Amino acid sequence: MKKIICALVATTALTTTAFADDKAISEFRIGILGGENAQDRLNSNECLRAYTEEALGVPTKLFAPADYNGVIQGLLGGTLDMAWLGASSYAAVHIQNPEAVEPVLVKINLDGSYGYHSIGFARKDSGIASLDDMKGKTFGFGDPNSTSGYLIPSIEIPEQTGATMNSGDYFGEVKFTGGHEQTIVAVNNGDVNGGVTWADGQGNWEDGYNSGALRKAVDAGLVDMNDLVEIWRSKPIPEGPIVLRKDMPDDVKTTMTALVDGLYEADADCAYGVAAGDSLGFDPITHEAYVSIVEARKAKAN
């Protein structure tokens, strides 16, 4: 394992109890948002856990709850210290407690942007090639706290269809699958006719694009993208932030921000797993990038 934390150790005066002040922490807990099965999420982030443990000098644990709300509640309750959230999940935390977390970093695509898309897709052999072909068919959302798996398509698709997302209005049935991987598998298996997931929308369709849930599904051998077809794409969505619990010691926050910020340069393989595919790593981000998503989530709740 590459020693990416040597410089951090030299500059942040680490102690074995995660920093010698009144707020010293005894462990560090990283939440991993849903999207694929729990074991794959844990495997993809094990390198980050190990680097964090070495950098902070305290036991570090990964948590992969069954749904997005598990991570949201962990951050709100103070039982998680860090997570990579989707924009809508970040908005959910911020709306309930603006002081719970702060966004520090965002994944950067290969073209330097930090946007992604909600991608609508179906099986190629189903004869479905567009939203028009989905009328009366079964449509799959992922998780109600997902930006691309629910919030954005639930707003933008009705703008195109002129109908609501209620079952029987435009689509024959609208259901939640439980997450991105579940949606991909459900469409691939024919359990739903079409659904939405997330991808950067860059690179080749056959690869599942450069990064996102489709790329992870291809890497895991769950699907052959040649069996699927894209039928819809949202407007660009701001990539969700890596957040840190606000009330942690400043030295801990500084160390963790630097560690993740330098992950791509230090260990590209680790960064690939953490970022769900090819990227240029992570760059700084602030709350201002998510104001529109916060407002969209508030409006959806009213």
C-alpha atoms as a PDB file:
ATOM      1  CA  MET A   1       0.000   0.000   0.000  1.00  0.00           C
ATOM      2  CA  LYS A   2       1.402   3.362  -0.988  1.00  0.00           C
ATOM      3  CA  LYS A   3       2.236   5.701   1.882  1.00  0.00           C
ATOM      4  CA  ILE A   4       0.149   8.661   0.838  1.00  0.00           C
ATOM      5  CA  ILE A   5      -0.058  10.140   4.308  1.00  0.00           C
ATOM      6  CA  CYS A   6       3.616  10.779   5.026  1.00  0.00           C
ATOM      7  CA  ALA A   7       3.355  14.497   4.296  1.00  0.00           C
ATOM      8  CA  LEU A   8       0.182  14.765   6.332  1.00  0.00           C
ATOM      9  CA  VAL A   9       1.802  13.114   9.317  1.00  0.00           C
ATOM     10  CA  ALA A  10       4.677  15.559   9.077  1.00  0.00           C
ATOM     11  CA  THR A  11       2.487  18.642   8.937  1.00  0.00           C
ATOM     12  CA  THR A  12      -0.475  17.942  11.197  1.00  0.00           C
ATOM     13  CA  ALA A  13       1.220  16.671  14.374  1.00  0.00           C
ATOM     14  CA  LEU A  14      -0.899  13.560  14.669  1.00  0.00           C
ATOM     15  CA  THR A  15      -1.300  11.739  17.930  1.00  0.00           C
ATOM     16  CA  THR A  16      -2.519   8.225  18.538  1.00  0.00           C
ATOM     17  CA  THR A  17      -5.869   9.583  19.752  1.00  0.00           C
ATOM     18  CA  ALA A  18      -6.614  11.746  16.732  1.00  0.00           C
ATOM     19  CA  PHE A  19      -5.282  15.088  17.831  1.00  0.00           C
ATOM     20  CA  ALA A  20      -4.269  16.500  21.145  1.00  0.00           C
ATOM     21  CA  ASP A  21      -7.046  18.875  22.038  1.00  0.00           C
ATOM     22  CA  ASP A  22     -10.279  18.843  23.972  1.00  0.00           C
ATOM     23  CA  LYS A  23     -12.155  17.394  20.999  1.00  0.00           C
ATOM     24  CA  ALA A  24      -9.845  14.452  20.354  1.00  0.00           C
ATOM     25  CA  ILE A  25     -11.642  11.578  18.650  1.00  0.00           C
ATOM     26  CA  SER A  26     -11.131   7.909  19.460  1.00  0.00           C
ATOM     27  CA  GLU A  27     -12.395   6.517  16.149  1.00  0.00           C
ATOM     28  CA  PHE A  28     -13.467   7.671  12.680  1.00  0.00           C
ATOM     29  CA  ARG A  29     -16.591   6.426  10.896  1.00  0.00           C
ATOM     30  CA  ILE A  30     -17.192   6.622   7.146  1.00  0.00           C
ATOM     31  CA  GLY A  31     -20.661   6.132   5.709  1.00  0.00           C
ATOM     32  CA  ILE A  32     -21.053   4.717   2.206  1.00  0.00           C
ATOM     33  CA  LEU A  33     -24.202   5.645   0.346  1.00  0.00           C
ATOM     34  CA  GLY A  34     -26.229   2.902  -1.309  1.00  0.00           C
ATOM     35  CA  GLY A  35     -26.026   2.155  -4.998  1.00  0.00           C
ATOM     36  CA  GLU A  36     -24.544  -1.308  -5.073  1.00  0.00           C
ATOM     37  CA  ASN A  37     -24.558  -4.241  -2.669  1.00  0.00           C
ATOM     38  CA  ALA A  38     -23.012  -3.625   0.725  1.00  0.00           C
ATOM     39  CA  GLN A  39     -19.999  -5.927   0.330  1.00  0.00           C
ATOM     40  CA  ASP A  40     -18.947  -4.329  -2.962  1.00  0.00           C
ATOM     41  CA  ARG A  41     -19.248  -0.888  -1.370  1.00  0.00           C
ATOM     42  CA  LEU A  42     -17.074  -1.990   1.534  1.00  0.00           C
ATOM     43  CA  ASN A  43     -14.499  -3.545  -0.818  1.00  0.00           C
ATOM     44  CA  SER A  44     -14.302  -0.419  -2.988  1.00  0.00           C
ATOM     45  CA  ASN A  45     -13.656   1.786   0.031  1.00  0.00           C
ATOM     46  CA  GLU A  46     -11.394  -0.482   2.089  1.00  0.00           C
ATOM     47  CA  CYS A  47      -8.287   1.311   0.809  1.00  0.00           C
ATOM     48  CA  LEU A  48      -9.724   4.649   1.953  1.00  0.00           C
ATOM     49  CA  ARG A  49     -10.472   3.141   5.362  1.00  0.00           C
ATOM     50  CA  ALA A  50      -6.900   1.908   5.705  1.00  0.00           C
ATOM     51  CA  TYR A  51      -5.393   5.242   4.622  1.00  0.00           C
ATOM     52  CA  THR A  52      -7.669   7.090   7.031  1.00  0.00           C
ATOM     53  CA  GLU A  53      -6.738   4.838   9.932  1.00  0.00           C
ATOM     54  CA  GLU A  54      -3.063   5.423   9.263  1.00  0.00           C
ATOM     55  CA  ALA A  55      -3.484   9.181   8.803  1.00  0.00           C
ATOM     56  CA  LEU A  56      -5.573   9.753  11.927  1.00  0.00           C
ATOM     57  CA  GLY A  57      -4.041   7.112  14.143  1.00  0.00           C
ATOM     58  CA  VAL A  58      -7.422   5.869  15.358  1.00  0.00           C
ATOM     59  CA  PRO A  59      -9.578   2.874  14.407  1.00  0.00           C
ATOM     60  CA  THR A  60     -11.571   3.636  11.272  1.00  0.00           C
ATOM     61  CA  LYS A  61     -14.784   1.837  10.332  1.00  0.00           C
ATOM     62  CA  LEU A  62     -16.887   1.691   7.191  1.00  0.00           C
ATOM     63  CA  PHE A  63     -20.674   1.606   7.334  1.00  0.00           C
ATOM     64  CA  ALA A  64     -22.812   0.598   4.343  1.00  0.00           C
ATOM     65  CA  PRO A  65     -26.487   0.959   5.346  1.00  0.00           C
ATOM     66  CA  ALA A  66     -29.172  -0.678   3.245  1.00  0.00           C
ATOM     67  CA  ASP A  67     -30.567   2.648   2.036  1.00  0.00           C
ATOM     68  CA  TYR A  68     -29.609   6.300   1.646  1.00  0.00           C
ATOM     69  CA  ASN A  69     -31.527   7.279   4.773  1.00  0.00           C
ATOM     70  CA  GLY A  70     -29.191   5.197   6.903  1.00  0.00           C
ATOM     71  CA  VAL A  71     -26.276   7.455   5.966  1.00  0.00           C
ATOM     72  CA  ILE A  72     -28.397  10.608   6.261  1.00  0.00           C
ATOM     73  CA  GLN A  73     -29.515   9.698   9.781  1.00  0.00           C
ATOM     74  CA  GLY A  74     -25.986   8.677  10.761  1.00  0.00           C
ATOM     75  CA  LEU A  75     -24.678  12.108   9.820  1.00  0.00           C
ATOM     76  CA  LEU A  76     -27.575  13.902  11.514  1.00  0.00           C
ATOM     77  CA  GLY A  77     -27.154  11.815  14.654  1.00  0.00           C
ATOM     78  CA  GLY A  78     -23.390  12.199  14.820  1.00  0.00           C
ATOM     79  CA  THR A  79     -22.689   8.479  14.449  1.00  0.00           C
ATOM     80  CA  LEU A  80     -20.920   9.041  11.106  1.00  0.00           C
ATOM     81  CA  ASP A  81     -18.035  11.437  10.521  1.00  0.00           C
ATOM     82  CA  MET A  82     -17.698  11.425   6.727  1.00  0.00           C
ATOM     83  CA  ALA A  83     -19.623  10.331   3.658  1.00  0.00           C
ATOM     84  CA  TRP A  84     -19.846  10.888  -0.091  1.00  0.00           C
ATOM     85  CA  LEU A  85     -23.431  12.010  -0.525  1.00  0.00           C
ATOM     86  CA  GLY A  86     -25.572  12.564  -3.562  1.00  0.00           C
ATOM     87  CA  ALA A  87     -26.716  16.158  -3.991  1.00  0.00           C
ATOM     88  CA  SER A  88     -30.263  15.334  -2.832  1.00  0.00           C
ATOM     89  CA  SER A  89     -29.010  13.423   0.218  1.00  0.00           C
ATOM     90  CA  TYR A  90     -26.806  16.386   1.115  1.00  0.00           C
ATOM     91  CA  ALA A  91     -29.841  18.638   0.725  1.00  0.00           C
ATOM     92  CA  ALA A  92     -31.810  16.353   3.064  1.00  0.00           C
ATOM     93  CA  VAL A  93     -29.145  16.664   5.753  1.00  0.00           C
ATOM     94  CA  HIS A  94     -28.783  20.424   5.282  1.00  0.00           C
ATOM     95  CA  ILE A  95     -32.529  21.067   5.422  1.00  0.00           C
ATOM     96  CA  GLN A  96     -32.863  19.146   8.687  1.00  0.00           C
ATOM     97  CA  ASN A  97     -29.718  20.581  10.291  1.00  0.00           C
ATOM     98  CA  PRO A  98     -27.543  23.137   8.460  1.00  0.00           C
ATOM     99  CA  GLU A  99     -24.847  22.687  11.120  1.00  0.00           C
ATOM    100  CA  ALA A 100     -24.525  18.904  10.847  1.00  0.00           C
ATOM    101  CA  VAL A 101     -22.022  18.607   7.981  1.00  0.00           C
ATOM    102  CA  GLU A 102     -19.978  20.688   5.592  1.00  0.00           C
ATOM    103  CA  PRO A 103     -19.223  19.811   1.953  1.00  0.00           C
ATOM    104  CA  VAL A 104     -15.478  19.798   1.311  1.00  0.00           C
ATOM    105  CA  LEU A 105     -14.758  17.938  -1.943  1.00  0.00           C
ATOM    106  CA  VAL A 106     -16.447  16.876  -5.186  1.00  0.00           C
ATOM    107  CA  LYS A 107     -15.535  14.257  -7.795  1.00  0.00           C
ATOM    108  CA  ILE A 108     -14.086  15.716 -10.977  1.00  0.00           C
ATOM    109  CA  ASN A 109     -14.845  14.125 -14.357  1.00  0.00           C
ATOM    110  CA  LEU A 110     -12.175  13.472 -16.954  1.00  0.00           C
ATOM    111  CA  ASP A 111     -13.162  16.670 -18.797  1.00  0.00           C
ATOM    112  CA  GLY A 112     -12.740  18.755 -15.636  1.00  0.00           C
ATOM    113  CA  SER A 113     -16.465  19.154 -14.929  1.00  0.00           C
ATOM    114  CA  TYR A 114     -18.255  17.991 -11.805  1.00  0.00           C
ATOM    115  CA  GLY A 115     -21.678  17.267 -13.220  1.00  0.00           C
ATOM    116  CA  TYR A 116     -23.428  14.009 -13.997  1.00  0.00           C
ATOM    117  CA  HIS A 117     -26.778  12.853 -15.343  1.00  0.00           C
ATOM    118  CA  SER A 118     -29.763  10.784 -14.446  1.00  0.00           C
ATOM    119  CA  ILE A 119     -29.836   8.203 -17.228  1.00  0.00           C
ATOM    120  CA  GLY A 120     -33.045   6.503 -18.291  1.00  0.00           C
ATOM    121  CA  PHE A 121     -32.492   3.078 -19.829  1.00  0.00           C
ATOM    122  CA  ALA A 122     -34.259  -0.080 -20.994  1.00  0.00           C
ATOM    123  CA  ARG A 123     -33.410  -3.426 -22.527  1.00  0.00           C
ATOM    124  CA  LYS A 124     -32.532  -3.090 -26.197  1.00  0.00           C
ATOM    125  CA  ASP A 125     -34.649  -6.118 -27.128  1.00  0.00           C
ATOM    126  CA  SER A 126     -37.752  -4.595 -25.474  1.00  0.00           C
ATOM    127  CA  GLY A 127     -38.380  -2.248 -28.380  1.00  0.00           C
ATOM    128  CA  ILE A 128     -38.257   0.727 -26.008  1.00  0.00           C
ATOM    129  CA  ALA A 129     -36.108   3.508 -27.432  1.00  0.00           C
ATOM    130  CA  SER A 130     -37.528   6.634 -25.782  1.00  0.00           C
ATOM    131  CA  LEU A 131     -39.883   7.861 -23.071  1.00  0.00           C
ATOM    132  CA  ASP A 132     -42.674   7.729 -25.662  1.00  0.00           C
ATOM    133  CA  ASP A 133     -42.251   3.960 -25.786  1.00  0.00           C
ATOM    134  CA  MET A 134     -42.517   3.742 -21.987  1.00  0.00           C
ATOM    135  CA  LYS A 135     -46.172   4.837 -21.882  1.00  0.00           C
ATOM    136  CA  GLY A 136     -48.147   2.224 -19.972  1.00  0.00           C
ATOM    137  CA  LYS A 137     -44.963   0.360 -19.007  1.00  0.00           C
ATOM    138  CA  THR A 138     -43.345  -0.259 -15.616  1.00  0.00           C
ATOM    139  CA  PHE A 139     -40.833   2.378 -14.506  1.00  0.00           C
ATOM    140  CA  GLY A 140     -38.231   1.949 -11.761  1.00  0.00           C
ATOM    141  CA  PHE A 141     -36.892   4.624  -9.428  1.00  0.00           C
ATOM    142  CA  GLY A 142     -33.980   3.804  -7.119  1.00  0.00           C
ATOM    143  CA  ASP A 143     -34.078   5.353  -3.647  1.00  0.00           C
ATOM    144  CA  PRO A 144     -36.338   8.257  -2.584  1.00  0.00           C
ATOM    145  CA  ASN A 145     -33.262  10.113  -1.282  1.00  0.00           C
ATOM    146  CA  SER A 146     -31.349   9.690  -4.550  1.00  0.00           C
ATOM    147  CA  THR A 147     -30.812  12.728  -6.761  1.00  0.00           C
ATOM    148  CA  SER A 148     -30.573  10.864 -10.061  1.00  0.00           C
ATOM    149  CA  GLY A 149     -32.590   7.851  -8.951  1.00  0.00           C
ATOM    150  CA  TYR A 150     -35.581   9.923  -7.906  1.00  0.00           C
ATOM    151  CA  LEU A 151     -35.500  13.707  -7.307  1.00  0.00           C
ATOM    152  CA  ILE A 152     -34.390  15.008 -10.703  1.00  0.00           C
ATOM    153  CA  PRO A 153     -36.227  12.500 -12.945  1.00  0.00           C
ATOM    154  CA  SER A 154     -39.395  12.962 -10.866  1.00  0.00           C
ATOM    155  CA  ILE A 155     -39.232  16.653 -11.778  1.00  0.00           C
ATOM    156  CA  GLU A 156     -37.915  16.564 -15.347  1.00  0.00           C
ATOM    157  CA  ILE A 157     -39.737  13.540 -16.784  1.00  0.00           C
ATOM    158  CA  PRO A 158     -43.214  14.984 -16.069  1.00  0.00           C
ATOM    159  CA  GLU A 159     -42.105  18.168 -17.851  1.00  0.00           C
ATOM    160  CA  GLN A 160     -41.611  16.033 -20.961  1.00  0.00           C
ATOM    161  CA  THR A 161     -44.605  13.720 -20.636  1.00  0.00           C
ATOM    162  CA  GLY A 162     -47.094  16.282 -19.368  1.00  0.00           C
ATOM    163  CA  ALA A 163     -48.217  13.740 -16.781  1.00  0.00           C
ATOM    164  CA  THR A 164     -47.401  12.903 -13.200  1.00  0.00           C
ATOM    165  CA  MET A 165     -45.196  10.049 -12.045  1.00  0.00           C
ATOM    166  CA  ASN A 166     -48.133   8.379 -10.311  1.00  0.00           C
ATOM    167  CA  SER A 167     -48.781   4.796 -11.349  1.00  0.00           C
ATOM    168  CA  GLY A 168     -51.382   4.628 -14.103  1.00  0.00           C
ATOM    169  CA  ASP A 169     -51.053   8.243 -15.205  1.00  0.00           C
ATOM    170  CA  TYR A 170     -48.334   7.979 -17.855  1.00  0.00           C
ATOM    171  CA  PHE A 171     -46.421   4.906 -16.784  1.00  0.00           C
ATOM    172  CA  GLY A 172     -48.412   1.773 -16.045  1.00  0.00           C
ATOM    173  CA  GLU A 173     -46.661   1.344 -12.703  1.00  0.00           C
ATOM    174  CA  VAL A 174     -43.952   3.328 -10.919  1.00  0.00           C
ATOM    175  CA  LYS A 175     -42.002   1.524  -8.207  1.00  0.00           C
ATOM    176  CA  PHE A 176     -38.880   1.916  -6.084  1.00  0.00           C
ATOM    177  CA  THR A 177     -36.290  -0.816  -6.545  1.00  0.00           C
ATOM    178  CA  GLY A 178     -34.155   0.112  -3.519  1.00  0.00           C
ATOM    179  CA  GLY A 179     -31.056   1.522  -5.218  1.00  0.00           C
ATOM    180  CA  HIS A 180     -29.067   2.011  -8.393  1.00  0.00           C
ATOM    181  CA  GLU A 181     -27.734  -1.517  -8.668  1.00  0.00           C
ATOM    182  CA  GLN A 182     -31.181  -2.917  -8.000  1.00  0.00           C
ATOM    183  CA  THR A 183     -32.654  -0.762 -10.784  1.00  0.00           C
ATOM    184  CA  ILE A 184     -30.001  -1.880 -13.254  1.00  0.00           C
ATOM    185  CA  VAL A 185     -30.562  -5.541 -12.400  1.00  0.00           C
ATOM    186  CA  ALA A 186     -34.353  -5.126 -12.492  1.00  0.00           C
ATOM    187  CA  VAL A 187     -34.261  -3.616 -16.001  1.00  0.00           C
ATOM    188  CA  ASN A 188     -31.726  -6.157 -17.207  1.00  0.00           C
ATOM    189  CA  ASN A 189     -33.856  -9.029 -15.878  1.00  0.00           C
ATOM    190  CA  GLY A 190     -37.091  -7.588 -17.278  1.00  0.00           C
ATOM    191  CA  ASP A 191     -38.641  -7.030 -13.836  1.00  0.00           C
ATOM    192  CA  VAL A 192     -39.270  -3.401 -14.843  1.00  0.00           C
ATOM    193  CA  ASN A 193     -39.397  -2.081 -18.402  1.00  0.00           C
ATOM    194  CA  GLY A 194     -37.219   0.956 -17.783  1.00  0.00           C
ATOM    195  CA  GLY A 195     -35.589   2.897 -14.988  1.00  0.00           C
ATOM    196  CA  VAL A 196     -33.106   5.586 -14.057  1.00  0.00           C
ATOM    197  CA  THR A 197     -29.610   5.520 -12.610  1.00  0.00           C
ATOM    198  CA  TRP A 198     -26.558   7.777 -12.567  1.00  0.00           C
ATOM    199  CA  ALA A 199     -23.546   8.217 -14.829  1.00  0.00           C
ATOM    200  CA  ASP A 200     -21.194  10.994 -15.848  1.00  0.00           C
ATOM    201  CA  GLY A 201     -22.438  10.503 -19.421  1.00  0.00           C
ATOM    202  CA  GLN A 202     -18.873  10.645 -20.741  1.00  0.00           C
ATOM    203  CA  GLY A 203     -16.900   7.975 -22.541  1.00  0.00           C
ATOM    204  CA  ASN A 204     -18.506   4.927 -24.129  1.00  0.00           C
ATOM    205  CA  TRP A 205     -21.945   3.487 -23.463  1.00  0.00           C
ATOM    206  CA  GLU A 206     -20.464   0.006 -23.849  1.00  0.00           C
ATOM    207  CA  ASP A 207     -18.278   0.663 -20.781  1.00  0.00           C
ATOM    208  CA  GLY A 208     -21.122   2.081 -18.709  1.00  0.00           C
ATOM    209  CA  TYR A 209     -19.627   5.521 -19.405  1.00  0.00           C
ATOM    210  CA  ASN A 210     -16.529   6.646 -17.479  1.00  0.00           C
ATOM    211  CA  SER A 211     -18.021   6.595 -14.001  1.00  0.00           C
ATOM    212  CA  GLY A 212     -21.265   5.934 -12.193  1.00  0.00           C
ATOM    213  CA  ALA A 213     -23.601   3.081 -11.321  1.00  0.00           C
ATOM    214  CA  LEU A 214     -23.599   1.649 -14.838  1.00  0.00           C
ATOM    215  CA  ARG A 215     -19.774   1.520 -14.851  1.00  0.00           C
ATOM    216  CA  LYS A 216     -19.791  -0.218 -11.468  1.00  0.00           C
ATOM    217  CA  ALA A 217     -22.347  -2.735 -12.748  1.00  0.00           C
ATOM    218  CA  VAL A 218     -20.196  -3.473 -15.794  1.00  0.00           C
ATOM    219  CA  ASP A 219     -17.087  -3.864 -13.627  1.00  0.00           C
ATOM    220  CA  ALA A 220     -18.999  -6.267 -11.386  1.00  0.00           C
ATOM    221  CA  GLY A 221     -20.115  -8.337 -14.385  1.00  0.00           C
ATOM    222  CA  LEU A 222     -23.794  -7.683 -13.694  1.00  0.00           C
ATOM    223  CA  VAL A 223     -24.695  -6.395 -17.154  1.00  0.00           C
ATOM    224  CA  ASP A 224     -23.539  -6.223 -20.746  1.00  0.00           C
ATOM    225  CA  MET A 225     -24.264  -2.674 -21.858  1.00  0.00           C
ATOM    226  CA  ASN A 226     -24.872  -3.943 -25.397  1.00  0.00           C
ATOM    227  CA  ASP A 227     -28.097  -5.438 -24.008  1.00  0.00           C
ATOM    228  CA  LEU A 228     -29.295  -2.024 -22.821  1.00  0.00           C
ATOM    229  CA  VAL A 229     -30.195   1.261 -24.481  1.00  0.00           C
ATOM    230  CA  GLU A 230     -30.350   4.833 -23.200  1.00  0.00           C
ATOM    231  CA  ILE A 231     -33.874   6.268 -23.501  1.00  0.00           C
ATOM    232  CA  TRP A 232     -33.611   9.533 -21.542  1.00  0.00           C
ATOM    233  CA  ARG A 233     -31.030  11.869 -20.028  1.00  0.00           C
ATOM    234  CA  SER A 234     -31.490  14.640 -17.492  1.00  0.00           C
ATOM    235  CA  LYS A 235     -29.939  18.059 -17.579  1.00  0.00           C
ATOM    236  CA  PRO A 236     -26.536  18.178 -15.833  1.00  0.00           C
ATOM    237  CA  ILE A 237     -26.727  17.623 -12.069  1.00  0.00           C
ATOM    238  CA  PRO A 238     -24.022  18.853  -9.678  1.00  0.00           C
ATOM    239  CA  GLU A 239     -22.075  15.859  -8.388  1.00  0.00           C
ATOM    240  CA  GLY A 240     -22.731  15.245  -4.719  1.00  0.00           C
ATOM    241  CA  PRO A 241     -20.155  16.305  -2.127  1.00  0.00           C
ATOM    242  CA  ILE A 242     -17.901  14.493   0.256  1.00  0.00           C
ATOM    243  CA  VAL A 243     -18.993  15.870   3.602  1.00  0.00           C
ATOM    244  CA  LEU A 244     -17.414  15.975   7.040  1.00  0.00           C
ATOM    245  CA  ARG A 245     -19.156  16.372  10.370  1.00  0.00           C
ATOM    246  CA  LYS A 246     -18.852  20.049  11.297  1.00  0.00           C
ATOM    247  CA  ASP A 247     -18.095  19.619  14.978  1.00  0.00           C
ATOM    248  CA  MET A 248     -15.001  17.466  14.492  1.00  0.00           C
ATOM    249  CA  PRO A 249     -11.590  18.957  15.378  1.00  0.00           C
ATOM    250  CA  ASP A 250     -10.284  21.234  12.644  1.00  0.00           C
ATOM    251  CA  ASP A 251      -7.075  19.207  12.349  1.00  0.00           C
ATOM    252  CA  VAL A 252      -9.097  16.063  11.618  1.00  0.00           C
ATOM    253  CA  LYS A 253     -11.097  17.849   8.935  1.00  0.00           C
ATOM    254  CA  THR A 254      -7.962  19.318   7.394  1.00  0.00           C
ATOM    255  CA  THR A 255      -6.218  15.937   7.345  1.00  0.00           C
ATOM    256  CA  MET A 256      -9.162  14.093   5.819  1.00  0.00           C
ATOM    257  CA  THR A 257      -9.742  16.748   3.181  1.00  0.00           C
ATOM    258  CA  ALA A 258      -6.079  16.614   2.164  1.00  0.00           C
ATOM    259  CA  LEU A 259      -6.061  12.812   2.149  1.00  0.00           C
ATOM    260  CA  VAL A 260      -9.045  12.475  -0.193  1.00  0.00           C
ATOM    261  CA  ASP A 261      -7.950  15.465  -2.286  1.00  0.00           C
ATOM    262  CA  GLY A 262      -4.618  13.740  -2.934  1.00  0.00           C
ATOM    263  CA  LEU A 263      -5.983  10.224  -3.361  1.00  0.00           C
ATOM    264  CA  TYR A 264      -6.049  10.189  -7.175  1.00  0.00           C
ATOM    265  CA  GLU A 265      -2.422  11.308  -7.474  1.00  0.00           C
ATOM    266  CA  ALA A 266      -1.242   8.926  -4.778  1.00  0.00           C
ATOM    267  CA  ASP A 267      -3.239   5.794  -5.583  1.00  0.00           C
ATOM    268  CA  ALA A 268      -5.282   5.874  -8.799  1.00  0.00           C
ATOM    269  CA  ASP A 269      -6.650   2.361  -8.219  1.00  0.00           C
ATOM    270  CA  CYS A 270      -8.039   3.339  -4.833  1.00  0.00           C
ATOM    271  CA  ALA A 271      -9.506   6.536  -6.278  1.00  0.00           C
ATOM    272  CA  TYR A 272     -11.203   4.491  -9.029  1.00  0.00           C
ATOM    273  CA  GLY A 273     -13.055   2.414  -6.462  1.00  0.00           C
ATOM    274  CA  VAL A 274     -13.980   5.329  -4.237  1.00  0.00           C
ATOM    275  CA  ALA A 275     -15.127   7.492  -7.177  1.00  0.00           C
ATOM    276  CA  ALA A 276     -17.096   4.700  -8.914  1.00  0.00           C
ATOM    277  CA  GLY A 277     -14.961   4.769 -12.044  1.00  0.00           C
ATOM    278  CA  ASP A 278     -12.549   6.943 -13.978  1.00  0.00           C
ATOM    279  CA  SER A 279     -12.165  10.500 -12.725  1.00  0.00           C
ATOM    280  CA  LEU A 280      -9.536  13.141 -12.013  1.00  0.00           C
ATOM    281  CA  GLY A 281     -10.045  12.692  -8.299  1.00  0.00           C
ATOM    282  CA  PHE A 282     -11.622  15.272  -6.019  1.00  0.00           C
ATOM    283  CA  ASP A 283     -11.511  19.083  -5.795  1.00  0.00           C
ATOM    284  CA  PRO A 284     -12.806  21.568  -3.202  1.00  0.00           C
ATOM    285  CA  ILE A 285     -16.522  22.450  -3.199  1.00  0.00           C
ATOM    286  CA  THR A 286     -18.822  24.553  -1.002  1.00  0.00           C
ATOM    287  CA  HIS A 287     -22.502  24.638  -0.085  1.00  0.00           C
ATOM    288  CA  GLU A 288     -23.198  27.243  -2.771  1.00  0.00           C
ATOM    289  CA  ALA A 289     -22.940  24.563  -5.470  1.00  0.00           C
ATOM    290  CA  TYR A 290     -26.018  22.804  -4.025  1.00  0.00           C
ATOM    291  CA  VAL A 291     -28.415  25.665  -3.353  1.00  0.00           C
ATOM    292  CA  SER A 292     -30.534  24.772  -6.395  1.00  0.00           C
ATOM    293  CA  ILE A 293     -30.821  21.131  -5.276  1.00  0.00           C
ATOM    294  CA  VAL A 294     -31.769  22.202  -1.739  1.00  0.00           C
ATOM    295  CA  GLU A 295     -34.519  24.383  -3.182  1.00  0.00           C
ATOM    296  CA  ALA A 296     -35.702  21.593  -5.520  1.00  0.00           C
ATOM    297  CA  ARG A 297     -35.918  19.184  -2.602  1.00  0.00           C
ATOM    298  CA  LYS A 298     -37.825  21.709  -0.500  1.00  0.00           C
ATOM    299  CA  ALA A 299     -40.267  22.299  -3.357  1.00  0.00           C
ATOM    300  CA  LYS A 300     -40.764  18.559  -3.845  1.00  0.00           C
ATOM    301  CA  ALA A 301     -41.655  18.175  -0.184  1.00  0.00           C
ATOM    302  CA  ASN A 302     -44.363  20.862  -0.343  1.00  0.00           C
END
